[in-house]
Amino acid sequence: MLNEERRRKIVEITNERKSVSINELTELLDSSHSTIRRDLSILSKNQLLRKVHGGAVSLDSGILTQDDSVIERQDLNIQNKKAIAKYAASLIKDSDVVYIDAGTTTGEMLPHLKNIKATYITNCVSHAKVLCSYGHKVFVPGGFLKSKTEALIGSDTYQYIENMNFTIGFFGANGISLKEGYTTPDPEEGEIKRIACSHTGDAYILADSSKFNVICTYTYAKIDRGSIITDPGAPKAYKELYNTIVADPLEGISQ
């Protein structure tokens, strides 16, 4: 089967079923796992479907209500995440009070912060541990530890962050939509993002191109609340926004 024919069939199957696994596609199309993964990456980049852990979903598959775990997400789009995170880290000054949200892309910022003497607040226990190992001053709220994302959530977390003010903050998003803004599946975690974002002077949303035109359960901020740092694969409509910064792993930064 020719590449184009196989990819066309993948899109047809995904649109018909709304979601499909890599194992199902390998059987239906008599192709290898590596071939299907490569096809899904190409189709996702071209905005014909959305690649997720273990398969794909159609672009009109509705609202996402479940988080993937950190382990499932940490190696996805890794080069783009590294470029986004490196640029984000370069924005921090020694005098800043910095909020760092839980997430795999925000986590990629940490190795670039070794020599930046800012004050850090994070609701992610693994982020806090790394920052402490670099000798930084780190504040961590109390709360309930959500194992999937390693984020602290709940009323104790909310109350702590509600009394803080940040000069700069970096946030993850499971989905970005022009209409719905920055979204996440879990309302409890979303509420922590919302209050932290509202108490941040300069807010940056770190999102690789797979997050665009995706809507999750909870909107924590509208599209104009912060600046988006993304990669060259983001849809044109988002790259043309005044508040979008493109971090290219090969060519550097464009605005």
Protein backbone atom coordinates (compact mmCIF):
# COMPACT_ATOMS: atom_id res chain seq x y z
CA MET A 1 0.00 0.00 0.00
CA LEU A 2 1.34 3.44 -0.93
CA ASN A 3 2.07 5.93 1.85
CA GLU A 4 -0.61 8.41 0.80
CA GLU A 5 -3.27 5.72 0.49
CA ARG A 6 -2.42 4.30 3.91
CA ARG A 7 -2.56 7.75 5.53
CA ARG A 8 -5.85 8.52 3.86
CA LYS A 9 -7.28 5.30 5.29
CA ILE A 10 -5.93 6.16 8.75
CA VAL A 11 -7.80 9.48 8.66
CA GLU A 12 -10.98 7.76 7.45
CA ILE A 13 -10.81 5.12 10.19
CA THR A 14 -10.07 7.70 12.89
CA ASN A 15 -12.92 9.98 11.81
CA GLU A 16 -15.34 7.05 11.67
CA ARG A 17 -14.40 5.59 15.06
CA LYS A 18 -13.48 8.92 16.75
CA SER A 19 -10.51 7.16 18.35
CA VAL A 20 -8.25 4.31 17.29
CA SER A 21 -5.19 2.58 18.73
CA ILE A 22 -1.89 1.90 17.02
CA ASN A 23 -2.48 -1.85 17.48
CA GLU A 24 -5.83 -1.61 15.68
CA LEU A 25 -4.30 0.32 12.79
CA THR A 26 -1.41 -2.13 12.37
CA GLU A 27 -3.91 -4.99 12.04
CA LEU A 28 -6.35 -3.16 9.77
CA LEU A 29 -3.65 -1.85 7.43
CA ASP A 30 -1.13 -4.70 7.74
CA SER A 31 1.64 -2.28 8.67
CA SER A 32 4.33 -2.13 11.34
CA HIS A 33 4.03 -0.17 14.58
CA SER A 34 6.87 2.14 13.53
CA THR A 35 5.17 2.91 10.21
CA ILE A 36 1.85 3.73 11.88
CA ARG A 37 3.54 5.92 14.51
CA ARG A 38 5.34 7.83 11.76
CA ASP A 39 2.09 8.23 9.82
CA LEU A 40 0.27 9.52 12.90
CA SER A 41 3.00 12.08 13.56
CA ILE A 42 2.74 13.37 9.99
CA LEU A 43 -1.07 13.46 10.04
CA SER A 44 -1.12 15.18 13.43
CA LYS A 45 1.36 17.81 12.24
CA ASN A 46 -0.87 18.46 9.23
CA GLN A 47 -3.91 18.87 11.52
CA LEU A 48 -5.79 15.88 10.04
CA LEU A 49 -6.13 14.10 13.40
CA ARG A 50 -4.69 14.37 16.89
CA LYS A 51 -2.00 11.96 17.97
CA VAL A 52 -2.38 10.74 21.55
CA HIS A 53 -0.58 8.16 23.64
CA GLY A 54 -1.13 4.77 22.00
CA GLY A 55 -3.11 5.99 19.00
CA ALA A 56 -5.11 8.91 17.61
CA VAL A 57 -8.42 10.73 17.98
CA SER A 58 -10.37 12.69 15.40
CA LEU A 59 -10.33 16.48 15.56
CA ASP A 60 -14.06 16.52 16.26
CA SER A 61 -13.90 13.91 19.00
CA GLY A 62 -15.33 16.29 21.58
CA ILE A 63 -14.05 17.52 24.93
CA LEU A 64 -11.12 15.73 26.58
CA THR A 65 -11.86 14.72 30.16
CA GLN A 66 -8.81 12.62 31.14
CA ASP A 67 -5.15 13.41 31.82
CA ASP A 68 -2.31 11.27 30.50
CA SER A 69 0.31 10.46 33.13
CA VAL A 70 3.71 12.16 33.26
CA ILE A 71 5.35 8.91 32.12
CA GLU A 72 3.04 8.75 29.09
CA ARG A 73 3.70 12.38 28.12
CA GLN A 74 7.34 12.99 28.96
CA ASP A 75 8.86 11.74 25.68
CA LEU A 76 6.20 13.10 23.31
CA ASN A 77 7.37 15.95 21.02
CA ILE A 78 10.49 16.13 23.18
CA GLN A 79 12.69 18.29 20.91
CA ASN A 80 9.98 20.91 20.55
CA LYS A 81 9.36 20.86 24.30
CA LYS A 82 13.07 21.39 24.97
CA ALA A 83 13.21 24.39 22.61
CA ILE A 84 10.08 25.92 24.16
CA ALA A 85 11.39 25.38 27.69
CA LYS A 86 14.87 26.75 26.96
CA TYR A 87 13.40 30.00 25.66
CA ALA A 88 10.99 30.22 28.59
CA ALA A 89 13.84 29.83 31.08
CA SER A 90 15.75 32.67 29.42
CA LEU A 91 12.96 35.09 30.42
CA ILE A 92 13.59 34.72 34.16
CA LYS A 93 15.65 37.35 35.99
CA ASP A 94 17.38 36.97 39.36
CA SER A 95 14.89 39.39 40.95
CA ASP A 96 11.79 37.44 39.83
CA VAL A 97 9.27 35.59 41.95
CA VAL A 98 8.48 32.69 39.63
CA TYR A 99 5.51 30.35 39.50
CA ILE A 100 6.20 27.06 37.68
CA ASP A 101 3.17 24.91 36.94
CA ALA A 102 3.25 21.12 36.94
CA GLY A 103 3.86 19.58 33.52
CA THR A 104 6.44 17.93 31.30
CA THR A 105 7.26 21.05 29.26
CA THR A 106 7.65 23.25 32.33
CA GLY A 107 9.85 20.49 33.72
CA GLU A 108 12.20 20.88 30.76
CA MET A 109 12.90 24.43 31.96
CA LEU A 110 14.62 23.29 35.14
CA PRO A 111 18.10 22.37 33.80
CA HIS A 112 18.35 25.91 32.39
CA LEU A 113 17.75 27.54 35.79
CA LYS A 114 20.88 26.42 37.64
CA ASN A 115 22.47 29.88 37.69
CA ILE A 116 19.34 32.04 37.95
CA LYS A 117 18.90 33.28 41.54
CA ALA A 118 15.16 33.84 41.50
CA THR A 119 12.59 32.72 44.06
CA TYR A 120 10.43 29.81 42.92
CA ILE A 121 6.95 28.62 43.82
CA THR A 122 5.62 25.39 42.29
CA ASN A 123 2.76 22.98 42.92
CA CYS A 124 4.79 20.12 41.41
CA VAL A 125 6.78 18.06 43.91
CA SER A 126 9.23 16.71 41.33
CA HIS A 127 9.95 20.25 40.04
CA ALA A 128 10.55 21.41 43.62
CA LYS A 129 13.00 18.59 44.27
CA VAL A 130 15.07 19.44 41.19
CA LEU A 131 15.09 23.16 41.98
CA CYS A 132 16.20 22.42 45.55
CA SER A 133 19.04 20.28 44.24
CA TYR A 134 20.32 23.38 42.42
CA GLY A 135 20.31 25.33 45.69
CA HIS A 136 17.31 27.52 44.88
CA LYS A 137 14.83 29.06 47.30
CA VAL A 138 11.64 27.09 46.66
CA PHE A 139 8.17 27.34 48.18
CA VAL A 140 5.68 24.45 47.90
CA PRO A 141 2.02 24.68 48.96
CA GLY A 142 0.24 22.01 50.91
CA GLY A 143 -2.53 19.95 49.40
CA PHE A 144 -3.43 16.61 47.84
CA LEU A 145 -0.81 15.04 45.55
CA LYS A 146 -2.29 13.98 42.21
CA SER A 147 -0.19 11.03 41.06
CA LYS A 148 -0.85 11.33 37.31
CA THR A 149 0.56 14.83 36.98
CA GLU A 150 2.58 15.07 40.22
CA ALA A 151 0.63 18.27 41.01
CA LEU A 152 -0.57 19.44 44.40
CA ILE A 153 -4.26 20.36 44.26
CA GLY A 154 -7.18 21.02 46.59
CA SER A 155 -8.27 23.72 49.03
CA ASP A 156 -4.95 23.97 50.89
CA THR A 157 -3.09 24.49 47.62
CA TYR A 158 -5.64 27.06 46.47
CA GLN A 159 -5.52 29.07 49.70
CA TYR A 160 -1.73 29.20 49.70
CA ILE A 161 -1.45 30.38 46.10
CA GLU A 162 -4.31 32.84 46.54
CA ASN A 163 -2.13 34.77 49.00
CA MET A 164 0.92 34.86 46.69
CA ASN A 165 1.89 37.23 43.87
CA PHE A 166 4.29 36.28 41.08
CA THR A 167 6.23 38.53 38.73
CA ILE A 168 6.34 35.81 36.08
CA GLY A 169 4.72 32.39 35.65
CA PHE A 170 4.89 29.42 33.32
CA PHE A 171 1.88 27.20 32.73
CA GLY A 172 1.04 24.01 30.87
CA ALA A 173 -2.18 23.40 28.94
CA ASN A 174 -3.75 20.18 27.68
CA GLY A 175 -5.71 22.14 25.10
CA ILE A 176 -5.70 25.58 23.46
CA SER A 177 -8.68 26.97 21.58
CA LEU A 178 -9.30 30.45 20.21
CA LYS A 179 -12.80 30.35 21.66
CA GLU A 180 -12.30 28.46 24.94
CA GLY A 181 -8.74 29.55 25.74
CA TYR A 182 -6.35 27.45 27.83
CA THR A 183 -7.94 24.26 29.10
CA THR A 184 -7.19 21.21 31.22
CA PRO A 185 -9.21 18.02 31.95
CA ASP A 186 -9.27 18.15 35.76
CA PRO A 187 -11.33 21.02 37.27
CA GLU A 188 -9.42 20.79 40.57
CA GLU A 189 -6.04 21.15 38.88
CA GLY A 190 -7.55 23.73 36.55
CA GLU A 191 -8.64 25.84 39.51
CA ILE A 192 -5.06 25.92 40.79
CA LYS A 193 -3.87 27.01 37.35
CA ARG A 194 -6.58 29.68 37.24
CA ILE A 195 -5.75 31.27 40.56
CA ALA A 196 -1.98 31.12 39.96
CA CYS A 197 -2.37 32.63 36.48
CA SER A 198 -4.57 35.44 37.84
CA HIS A 199 -1.87 36.31 40.41
CA THR A 200 0.93 36.40 37.81
CA GLY A 201 2.29 39.54 36.20
CA ASP A 202 3.75 38.06 33.00
CA ALA A 203 2.10 34.71 32.23
CA TYR A 204 3.48 32.31 29.62
CA ILE A 205 1.71 29.20 28.36
CA LEU A 206 4.14 26.53 27.18
CA ALA A 207 2.49 24.30 24.57
CA ASP A 208 3.77 22.20 21.70
CA SER A 209 1.75 22.14 18.48
CA SER A 210 -0.29 19.04 19.43
CA LYS A 211 -2.25 21.11 21.99
CA PHE A 212 -3.94 23.48 19.54
CA ASN A 213 -7.60 23.19 18.52
CA VAL A 214 -8.08 20.87 21.50
CA ILE A 215 -10.68 21.62 24.18
CA CYS A 216 -10.66 20.07 27.66
CA THR A 217 -13.18 20.23 30.48
CA TYR A 218 -11.96 23.30 32.36
CA THR A 219 -10.88 26.71 31.03
CA TYR A 220 -8.36 28.30 33.39
CA ALA A 221 -7.64 31.42 31.28
CA LYS A 222 -8.74 33.07 28.06
CA ILE A 223 -6.47 33.18 25.02
CA ASP A 224 -5.29 36.76 25.63
CA ARG A 225 -4.36 36.24 29.29
CA GLY A 226 -0.76 35.26 28.59
CA SER A 227 1.83 34.76 25.88
CA ILE A 228 2.03 31.39 24.12
CA ILE A 229 5.43 29.79 23.56
CA THR A 230 5.10 27.03 20.97
CA ASP A 231 6.87 25.31 18.07
CA PRO A 232 6.73 25.83 14.27
CA GLY A 233 4.07 23.14 13.84
CA ALA A 234 1.37 25.26 15.50
CA PRO A 235 -1.57 26.18 13.23
CA LYS A 236 -1.21 29.42 11.29
CA ALA A 237 -4.14 31.08 13.07
CA TYR A 238 -2.33 30.78 16.40
CA LYS A 239 1.14 31.68 15.14
CA GLU A 240 -0.32 34.94 13.80
CA LEU A 241 -1.64 35.99 17.23
CA TYR A 242 0.14 39.01 18.73
CA ASN A 243 0.94 37.03 21.90
CA THR A 244 2.56 33.96 20.28
CA ILE A 245 6.28 33.21 20.34
CA VAL A 246 7.63 30.38 18.16
CA ALA A 247 10.65 28.49 19.49
CA ASP A 248 12.18 26.54 16.62
CA PRO A 249 14.54 23.70 17.71
CA LEU A 250 16.63 24.35 14.57
CA GLU A 251 16.44 28.06 13.91
CA GLY A 252 15.86 29.79 17.24
CA ILE A 253 13.08 32.21 18.14
CA SER A 254 10.59 34.14 16.00
CA GLN A 255 7.73 36.40 17.12
